[in-house]
């Protein structure tokens, strides 16, 4: 079987995307195939794979798999990339809605291959010692440090992701550093089991944690990751809930091709 695919990247977070609106190529039972397609030596290479499916409740449905071939929680950069492809395919002009594992999302085409994605509200934020733990569509651990460019992020991430608290369900680990101009963020992702160049839900989690950590009220923050720059904006309610959360940044077409099974 030949599977047509698109390759996209959002600030270095890269994805294989397959349009299944007319023909079904893969299902959740194809874990081994998906894992091989995401393999950087024996496949196409990606942090994750997404399927575009028909939806009766939105313009389309996004089904996301981590690089290990397993279905996963929401991916913010993946959501921006799949919305960018949907625009390329002529599925919408200015804005669209799509269903994901965590519910309905709205996306806007800001300019060519720049997408703003609306995330779900965040109200439950807990502490693990000095770190913050919150779910922005995926579960995240956020701590703050200095000189984070010097960190061995794989060792740091694994020491938290596989500790007694998180080893069963896993968690994404973010280390952030605040500067006068922006927030620097590095992320170790479960499912990829490595540091990625960027994580959309991770930078959203880091920006919210930063707002709480510094008692700041700014409603937009610039984020710098290994793969590029993003912006996160929000509105904070009197009850502490973060609403109207938008993740904005590039979602870039890389190439398209056919994968033979």
Protein backbone atom coordinates (compact mmCIF):
# COMPACT_ATOMS: atom_id res chain seq x y z
CA UNK A 1 0.00 0.00 0.00
CA UNK A 2 1.17 3.52 -0.83
CA UNK A 3 0.30 6.28 1.66
CA UNK A 4 0.45 9.91 0.48
CA UNK A 5 1.67 12.21 3.25
CA UNK A 6 2.67 15.77 4.06
CA UNK A 7 5.60 16.77 6.24
CA UNK A 8 5.18 19.91 8.39
CA UNK A 9 7.13 21.55 11.17
CA UNK A 10 6.18 24.15 13.74
CA UNK A 11 9.27 25.74 15.35
CA UNK A 12 11.19 22.52 14.78
CA UNK A 13 8.46 20.23 16.16
CA UNK A 14 7.90 18.07 13.06
CA UNK A 15 5.00 15.91 11.93
CA UNK A 16 3.81 13.51 9.28
CA UNK A 17 0.22 14.34 8.30
CA UNK A 18 -2.11 12.07 6.29
CA UNK A 19 -5.38 13.24 4.75
CA UNK A 20 -7.94 10.48 5.35
CA UNK A 21 -11.11 12.30 4.35
CA UNK A 22 -11.54 10.20 1.21
CA UNK A 23 -9.58 7.04 2.02
CA UNK A 24 -8.51 5.40 5.26
CA UNK A 25 -4.85 4.42 5.29
CA UNK A 26 -4.13 4.01 9.00
CA UNK A 27 -5.98 3.37 12.26
CA UNK A 28 -4.94 3.30 15.89
CA UNK A 29 -4.16 -0.40 15.56
CA UNK A 30 -1.28 0.39 13.18
CA UNK A 31 1.13 1.31 15.96
CA UNK A 32 4.13 -0.47 14.41
CA UNK A 33 3.63 1.23 11.03
CA UNK A 34 3.21 4.67 12.59
CA UNK A 35 6.29 4.18 14.77
CA UNK A 36 8.33 3.16 11.72
CA UNK A 37 7.09 6.14 9.69
CA UNK A 38 8.21 8.45 12.50
CA UNK A 39 11.61 6.75 12.81
CA UNK A 40 14.39 9.12 11.71
CA UNK A 41 16.59 6.34 10.32
CA UNK A 42 14.15 3.83 8.88
CA UNK A 43 11.14 6.02 8.08
CA UNK A 44 10.21 9.59 7.23
CA UNK A 45 11.17 10.94 10.62
CA UNK A 46 8.90 12.99 12.90
CA UNK A 47 7.99 13.82 16.49
CA UNK A 48 4.46 12.63 15.75
CA UNK A 49 1.94 11.62 13.11
CA UNK A 50 -1.53 13.07 12.53
CA UNK A 51 -4.58 11.99 10.60
CA UNK A 52 -7.12 14.40 9.09
CA UNK A 53 -10.56 12.76 9.39
CA UNK A 54 -14.07 13.91 8.51
CA UNK A 55 -16.12 15.37 11.36
CA UNK A 56 -19.81 16.11 11.74
CA UNK A 57 -19.14 18.60 14.54
CA UNK A 58 -16.30 20.64 12.96
CA UNK A 59 -14.44 21.23 9.71
CA UNK A 60 -12.34 18.12 10.40
CA UNK A 61 -10.97 15.89 13.15
CA UNK A 62 -7.35 15.65 14.22
CA UNK A 63 -6.10 12.28 15.44
CA UNK A 64 -2.62 12.44 16.94
CA UNK A 65 0.01 9.76 17.55
CA UNK A 66 3.33 10.16 19.30
CA UNK A 67 6.52 8.95 17.63
CA UNK A 68 6.14 5.65 19.50
CA UNK A 69 2.96 4.98 17.50
CA UNK A 70 0.58 5.38 20.43
CA UNK A 71 -2.40 7.73 20.45
CA UNK A 72 -1.69 10.71 22.64
CA UNK A 73 -3.13 13.81 24.21
CA UNK A 74 -3.38 17.20 22.50
CA UNK A 75 -0.38 18.58 20.61
CA UNK A 76 -0.35 22.37 20.22
CA UNK A 77 2.25 22.63 17.47
CA UNK A 78 0.62 19.67 15.76
CA UNK A 79 -2.73 21.45 15.90
CA UNK A 80 -1.20 24.52 14.27
CA UNK A 81 0.46 22.41 11.57
CA UNK A 82 -2.67 20.43 10.72
CA UNK A 83 -4.62 23.70 10.49
CA UNK A 84 -1.93 25.09 8.18
CA UNK A 85 -2.25 22.03 5.93
CA UNK A 86 -6.06 22.33 5.97
CA UNK A 87 -5.69 25.87 4.62
CA UNK A 88 -3.26 24.61 1.97
CA UNK A 89 -5.81 21.97 0.94
CA UNK A 90 -8.50 24.65 0.56
CA UNK A 91 -10.57 23.45 3.50
CA UNK A 92 -11.02 27.00 4.83
CA UNK A 93 -9.96 30.57 4.07
CA UNK A 94 -9.48 32.52 7.29
CA UNK A 95 -10.45 30.32 10.24
CA UNK A 96 -11.59 26.79 10.98
CA UNK A 97 -12.64 24.50 13.78
CA UNK A 98 -11.45 20.97 14.39
CA UNK A 99 -12.05 18.22 16.90
CA UNK A 100 -9.12 16.81 18.88
CA UNK A 101 -8.85 14.37 21.74
CA UNK A 102 -9.44 17.20 24.24
CA UNK A 103 -12.41 18.70 22.40
CA UNK A 104 -13.13 21.48 19.91
CA UNK A 105 -10.41 23.91 18.81
CA UNK A 106 -10.46 27.05 16.69
CA UNK A 107 -7.59 28.02 14.41
CA UNK A 108 -6.94 31.22 12.47
CA UNK A 109 -4.69 31.82 9.49
CA UNK A 110 -2.78 34.93 10.62
CA UNK A 111 -0.67 35.03 7.47
CA UNK A 112 0.79 32.46 5.12
CA UNK A 113 1.84 29.46 7.25
CA UNK A 114 1.39 31.36 10.51
CA UNK A 115 -1.40 29.90 12.65
CA UNK A 116 -3.08 31.02 15.87
CA UNK A 117 -4.62 28.10 17.76
CA UNK A 118 -7.12 28.46 20.58
CA UNK A 119 -6.41 26.15 23.51
CA UNK A 120 -8.74 24.92 26.22
CA UNK A 121 -9.20 26.84 29.48
CA UNK A 122 -6.81 26.01 32.32
CA UNK A 123 -8.11 26.16 35.89
CA UNK A 124 -6.39 23.34 37.80
CA UNK A 125 -2.79 24.17 38.65
CA UNK A 126 -0.94 22.31 41.39
CA UNK A 127 2.56 22.37 42.85
CA UNK A 128 5.27 19.73 43.08
CA UNK A 129 7.76 21.33 45.43
CA UNK A 130 8.92 24.42 43.48
CA UNK A 131 7.48 23.23 40.15
CA UNK A 132 4.03 23.75 38.64
CA UNK A 133 1.88 20.91 37.28
CA UNK A 134 -0.95 21.67 34.88
CA UNK A 135 -2.81 20.26 31.89
CA UNK A 136 -2.94 22.40 28.74
CA UNK A 137 -4.32 19.57 26.61
CA UNK A 138 -1.36 17.43 27.70
CA UNK A 139 0.05 17.12 31.24
CA UNK A 140 3.07 19.32 31.95
CA UNK A 141 5.62 19.83 34.70
CA UNK A 142 7.19 23.32 34.66
CA UNK A 143 10.11 24.52 36.74
CA UNK A 144 12.26 27.64 36.49
CA UNK A 145 16.04 27.86 36.33
CA UNK A 146 18.89 29.94 34.98
CA UNK A 147 21.38 29.11 32.21
CA UNK A 148 19.03 26.45 30.86
CA UNK A 149 21.03 26.21 27.63
CA UNK A 150 23.65 24.32 29.65
CA UNK A 151 21.24 21.65 30.91
CA UNK A 152 21.39 18.00 29.89
CA UNK A 153 17.69 18.10 29.14
CA UNK A 154 17.33 14.38 28.45
CA UNK A 155 18.70 13.42 31.87
CA UNK A 156 16.70 16.16 33.60
CA UNK A 157 13.52 15.17 31.78
CA UNK A 158 13.90 11.45 32.38
CA UNK A 159 14.60 11.94 36.08
CA UNK A 160 11.17 13.60 36.44
CA UNK A 161 9.14 11.75 33.79
CA UNK A 162 10.17 8.36 35.26
CA UNK A 163 10.10 9.18 38.96
CA UNK A 164 7.61 7.47 41.29
CA UNK A 165 5.04 10.27 40.89
CA UNK A 166 4.82 10.32 37.09
CA UNK A 167 6.27 7.06 35.73
CA UNK A 168 2.92 5.29 35.23
CA UNK A 169 1.11 7.93 33.17
CA UNK A 170 4.10 10.00 32.16
CA UNK A 171 4.43 13.77 32.02
CA UNK A 172 6.08 16.33 29.76
CA UNK A 173 8.91 18.19 31.47
CA UNK A 174 9.59 21.88 30.83
CA UNK A 175 12.43 23.99 32.19
CA UNK A 176 11.96 27.72 31.68
CA UNK A 177 14.13 30.79 32.09
CA UNK A 178 12.79 34.33 32.20
CA UNK A 179 14.64 37.18 30.52
CA UNK A 180 13.69 40.83 30.13
CA UNK A 181 12.39 40.21 26.61
CA UNK A 182 11.02 36.67 26.53
CA UNK A 183 10.62 33.30 28.18
CA UNK A 184 13.10 30.59 27.17
CA UNK A 185 11.65 27.08 27.28
CA UNK A 186 13.15 23.61 26.82
CA UNK A 187 10.91 20.51 26.80
CA UNK A 188 11.35 16.78 27.23
CA UNK A 189 8.32 15.02 25.72
CA UNK A 190 6.85 11.71 26.79
CA UNK A 191 6.09 9.43 23.85
CA UNK A 192 9.02 10.92 21.96
CA UNK A 193 11.15 10.21 25.06
CA UNK A 194 13.61 12.90 24.12
CA UNK A 195 13.96 16.66 24.06
CA UNK A 196 12.06 18.20 21.18
CA UNK A 197 12.87 21.48 19.50
CA UNK A 198 9.53 22.89 20.63
CA UNK A 199 6.29 21.83 22.33
CA UNK A 200 3.12 23.88 21.86
CA UNK A 201 1.22 22.72 24.92
CA UNK A 202 4.50 22.99 26.83
CA UNK A 203 5.08 26.66 26.06
CA UNK A 204 1.45 27.38 26.95
CA UNK A 205 2.01 25.62 30.29
CA UNK A 206 5.27 27.50 30.84
CA UNK A 207 3.70 30.88 30.09
CA UNK A 208 0.84 30.26 32.54
CA UNK A 209 3.24 28.99 35.21
CA UNK A 210 5.41 32.07 34.63
CA UNK A 211 2.43 34.37 35.09
CA UNK A 212 1.67 32.73 38.44
CA UNK A 213 5.31 32.41 39.50
CA UNK A 214 6.07 36.10 38.94
CA UNK A 215 2.60 37.44 39.76
CA UNK A 216 2.56 39.08 36.36
CA UNK A 217 -0.61 40.24 34.65
CA UNK A 218 0.68 40.61 31.08
CA UNK A 219 -1.71 38.98 28.66
CA UNK A 220 0.83 38.08 25.97
CA UNK A 221 4.29 36.63 26.26
CA UNK A 222 6.99 35.86 23.72
CA UNK A 223 8.50 32.39 23.89
CA UNK A 224 11.84 31.20 22.53
CA UNK A 225 12.45 27.48 21.98
CA UNK A 226 15.30 25.59 20.33
CA UNK A 227 13.25 25.56 17.12
CA UNK A 228 12.04 29.14 16.99
CA UNK A 229 9.65 31.70 18.43
CA UNK A 230 6.03 31.53 19.55
CA UNK A 231 3.55 33.82 21.30
CA UNK A 232 1.00 32.89 23.95
CA UNK A 233 -1.86 35.16 25.01
CA UNK A 234 -4.65 34.67 27.52
CA UNK A 235 -7.22 36.28 29.78
CA UNK A 236 -7.11 35.49 33.50
CA UNK A 237 -10.42 35.43 35.33
CA UNK A 238 -11.06 36.51 38.90
CA UNK A 239 -11.35 32.84 39.84
CA UNK A 240 -7.80 32.17 38.62
CA UNK A 241 -8.89 30.41 35.44
CA UNK A 242 -6.90 31.17 32.31
CA UNK A 243 -9.29 31.60 29.38
CA UNK A 244 -9.14 32.63 25.74
CA UNK A 245 -5.68 31.08 25.41
CA UNK A 246 -4.06 31.44 21.98
CA UNK A 247 -0.84 29.87 20.75
CA UNK A 248 0.56 31.65 17.69
CA UNK A 249 3.54 30.90 15.47
CA UNK A 250 4.81 29.41 12.20
CA UNK A 251 3.45 26.11 10.86
CA UNK A 252 5.55 25.38 7.82
CA UNK A 253 5.14 22.99 4.89
CA UNK A 254 8.34 20.97 4.36
CA UNK A 255 7.49 18.50 1.59
CA UNK A 256 4.98 15.88 0.48
CA UNK A 257 5.55 12.35 -0.73
CA UNK A 258 4.42 8.74 -0.77
CA UNK A 259 5.29 6.11 1.81
CA UNK A 260 5.26 2.47 0.73
CA UNK A 261 4.34 -0.21 3.23
